Protein backbone atom coordinates (compact mmCIF):
# COMPACT_ATOMS: atom_id res chain seq x y z
CA UNK A 1 -21.27 8.93 -20.01
CA UNK A 2 -23.40 11.97 -20.49
CA UNK A 3 -21.90 15.44 -20.63
CA UNK A 4 -25.14 16.99 -19.34
CA UNK A 5 -24.05 17.19 -15.71
CA UNK A 6 -26.64 19.11 -13.75
CA UNK A 7 -29.24 18.98 -16.54
CA UNK A 8 -32.10 16.68 -15.63
CA UNK A 9 -32.06 13.14 -14.26
CA UNK A 10 -29.16 11.87 -16.42
CA UNK A 11 -27.00 14.82 -15.39
CA UNK A 12 -27.82 14.17 -11.74
CA UNK A 13 -26.94 10.51 -12.17
CA UNK A 14 -23.66 11.40 -13.87
CA UNK A 15 -22.84 13.85 -11.07
CA UNK A 16 -23.35 11.09 -8.50
CA UNK A 17 -21.25 8.65 -10.53
CA UNK A 18 -18.48 11.25 -10.85
CA UNK A 19 -18.52 11.90 -7.10
CA UNK A 20 -18.31 8.18 -6.32
CA UNK A 21 -15.53 7.60 -8.87
CA UNK A 22 -13.51 10.29 -7.09
CA UNK A 23 -14.38 9.04 -3.61
CA UNK A 24 -13.78 5.28 -3.97
CA UNK A 25 -9.98 5.47 -4.56
CA UNK A 26 -9.65 7.75 -1.52
CA UNK A 27 -11.61 5.29 0.63
CA UNK A 28 -9.58 2.33 -0.61
CA UNK A 29 -6.33 4.22 -0.09
CA UNK A 30 -7.29 4.99 3.49
CA UNK A 31 -8.23 1.36 4.17
CA UNK A 32 -4.92 0.15 2.74
CA UNK A 33 -3.04 2.52 5.05
CA UNK A 34 -4.54 1.04 8.23
CA UNK A 35 -1.49 -0.14 10.15
CA UNK A 36 -1.28 -3.90 10.58
CA UNK A 37 -0.62 -4.75 14.24
CA UNK A 38 3.05 -5.69 14.76
CA UNK A 39 2.25 -9.26 15.78
CA UNK A 40 0.39 -9.85 12.49
CA UNK A 41 2.72 -8.09 10.04
CA UNK A 42 4.72 -11.18 9.07
CA UNK A 43 1.62 -13.31 8.46
CA UNK A 44 0.92 -12.06 4.91
CA UNK A 45 -2.79 -11.39 5.40
CA UNK A 46 -4.79 -10.32 2.34
CA UNK A 47 -8.17 -8.55 2.08
CA UNK A 48 -10.01 -11.86 1.89
CA UNK A 49 -8.32 -12.93 5.13
CA UNK A 50 -9.67 -9.72 6.67
CA UNK A 51 -13.19 -10.57 5.49
CA UNK A 52 -12.94 -14.00 7.10
CA UNK A 53 -11.53 -12.52 10.32
CA UNK A 54 -14.28 -9.88 10.38
CA UNK A 55 -16.96 -12.56 10.14
CA UNK A 56 -15.43 -14.57 12.95
CA UNK A 57 -15.01 -11.47 15.08
CA UNK A 58 -18.59 -10.23 14.61
CA UNK A 59 -20.47 -13.52 14.39
CA UNK A 60 -18.30 -15.91 16.40
CA UNK A 61 -16.90 -19.32 15.55
CA UNK A 62 -18.47 -21.28 12.70
CA UNK A 63 -17.83 -24.09 10.25
CA UNK A 64 -15.95 -23.84 6.96
CA UNK A 65 -19.21 -24.26 5.03
CA UNK A 66 -20.87 -21.44 6.99
CA UNK A 67 -17.88 -19.18 6.36
CA UNK A 68 -17.86 -20.06 2.66
CA UNK A 69 -21.57 -19.28 2.29
CA UNK A 70 -21.23 -15.90 4.01
CA UNK A 71 -18.10 -14.96 2.05
CA UNK A 72 -19.63 -16.13 -1.23
CA UNK A 73 -16.70 -18.41 -2.08
CA UNK A 74 -16.16 -22.15 -2.40
CA UNK A 75 -15.60 -24.19 0.77
CA UNK A 76 -12.23 -25.31 -0.63
CA UNK A 77 -11.11 -21.66 -0.79
CA UNK A 78 -12.06 -21.18 2.86
CA UNK A 79 -10.39 -24.46 3.81
CA UNK A 80 -7.14 -23.26 2.26
CA UNK A 81 -7.32 -19.92 4.07
CA UNK A 82 -8.23 -21.59 7.37
CA UNK A 83 -5.40 -24.10 6.98
CA UNK A 84 -2.91 -21.32 6.30
CA UNK A 85 -4.09 -19.16 9.20
CA UNK A 86 -4.30 -22.16 11.54
CA UNK A 87 -0.67 -23.05 10.83
CA UNK A 88 0.25 -19.46 11.68
CA UNK A 89 -1.69 -19.67 14.93
CA UNK A 90 -4.26 -17.02 13.99
CA UNK A 91 -7.21 -19.43 13.90
CA UNK A 92 -8.20 -22.47 15.90
CA UNK A 93 -10.11 -25.56 14.77
CA UNK A 94 -12.19 -27.57 17.22
CA UNK A 95 -14.45 -30.56 16.75
CA UNK A 96 -18.15 -29.87 16.64
CA UNK A 97 -19.67 -31.58 19.69
CA UNK A 98 -22.76 -32.66 17.74
CA UNK A 99 -20.87 -33.89 14.66
CA UNK A 100 -17.23 -34.79 15.18
CA UNK A 101 -16.55 -34.76 11.42
CA UNK A 102 -17.18 -31.02 11.31
CA UNK A 103 -14.69 -28.45 12.58
CA UNK A 104 -15.56 -25.17 14.22
CA UNK A 105 -13.24 -22.32 13.23
CA UNK A 106 -12.48 -19.47 15.61
CA UNK A 107 -9.94 -16.73 16.25
CA UNK A 108 -7.09 -17.80 18.52
CA UNK A 109 -7.26 -16.04 21.89
CA UNK A 110 -3.64 -14.91 21.56
CA UNK A 111 -4.43 -12.89 18.41
CA UNK A 112 -7.98 -11.70 19.20
CA UNK A 113 -6.91 -8.37 20.82
CA UNK A 114 -4.70 -7.43 17.85
CA UNK A 115 -7.42 -8.34 15.33
CA UNK A 116 -10.06 -6.42 17.30
CA UNK A 117 -7.79 -3.36 17.48
CA UNK A 118 -7.06 -3.59 13.77
CA UNK A 119 -10.67 -3.97 12.60
CA UNK A 120 -12.38 -1.75 15.21
CA UNK A 121 -11.74 1.65 13.54
CA UNK A 122 -13.50 0.51 10.34
CA UNK A 123 -16.43 -0.93 12.27
CA UNK A 124 -16.77 2.25 14.33
CA UNK A 125 -16.64 4.40 11.19
CA UNK A 126 -19.40 2.33 9.56
CA UNK A 127 -21.52 2.56 12.73
CA UNK A 128 -21.18 6.36 12.82
CA UNK A 129 -21.92 6.68 9.10
CA UNK A 130 -24.95 4.37 9.18
CA UNK A 131 -26.43 5.40 12.55
CA UNK A 132 -28.38 8.43 11.22
CA UNK A 133 -30.08 6.29 8.54
CA UNK A 134 -33.31 4.40 8.97
CA UNK A 135 -33.16 0.60 8.68
CA UNK A 136 -34.64 0.88 5.16
CA UNK A 137 -32.00 3.45 4.15
CA UNK A 138 -29.23 1.22 5.53
CA UNK A 139 -30.59 -1.73 3.56
CA UNK A 140 -30.71 0.41 0.40
CA UNK A 141 -27.11 1.52 0.94
CA UNK A 142 -25.84 -2.03 1.48
CA UNK A 143 -27.88 -3.33 -1.47
CA UNK A 144 -26.42 -0.55 -3.66
CA UNK A 145 -22.86 -1.51 -2.69
CA UNK A 146 -23.66 -5.17 -3.39
CA UNK A 147 -25.08 -4.25 -6.81
CA UNK A 148 -21.97 -2.20 -7.58
CA UNK A 149 -19.80 -5.14 -6.57
CA UNK A 150 -21.76 -7.48 -8.86
CA UNK A 151 -21.47 -5.03 -11.77
CA UNK A 152 -17.71 -4.65 -11.33
CA UNK A 153 -17.26 -8.43 -11.33
CA UNK A 154 -18.67 -8.49 -14.86
CA UNK A 155 -16.27 -5.87 -16.21
């Protein structure tokens, strides 16, 4: 890293990196402190379960392959998560009317309110943070986070 903070483009870049390095642990700490609804506390949900639940909540029921593609993981990984959460009653599996070999995965009605309550504050915070940006600025922000994620996977 450069020690020229504030001096030209590299210093400006380093200042931004420094600010993000200080901010990211605070953001992650806040996310980890979100209280799990009482009815879900014993179900041992991990961050990847939350990603799957978020997709189902925002986009509705879908197949294992659709979930896997959107999460960027193997279908077998999603199948294992779905099986685990289905046994716990969090998710439901229904036959696809057009292809009975395929299963449609959805959030169980009994747990939907708790999951919505749990995930809503984060969604509302993102909406407030992104609302002032133009669509192009939002895309740039999301693309930047995706690039950061890719870079950290290689470390």
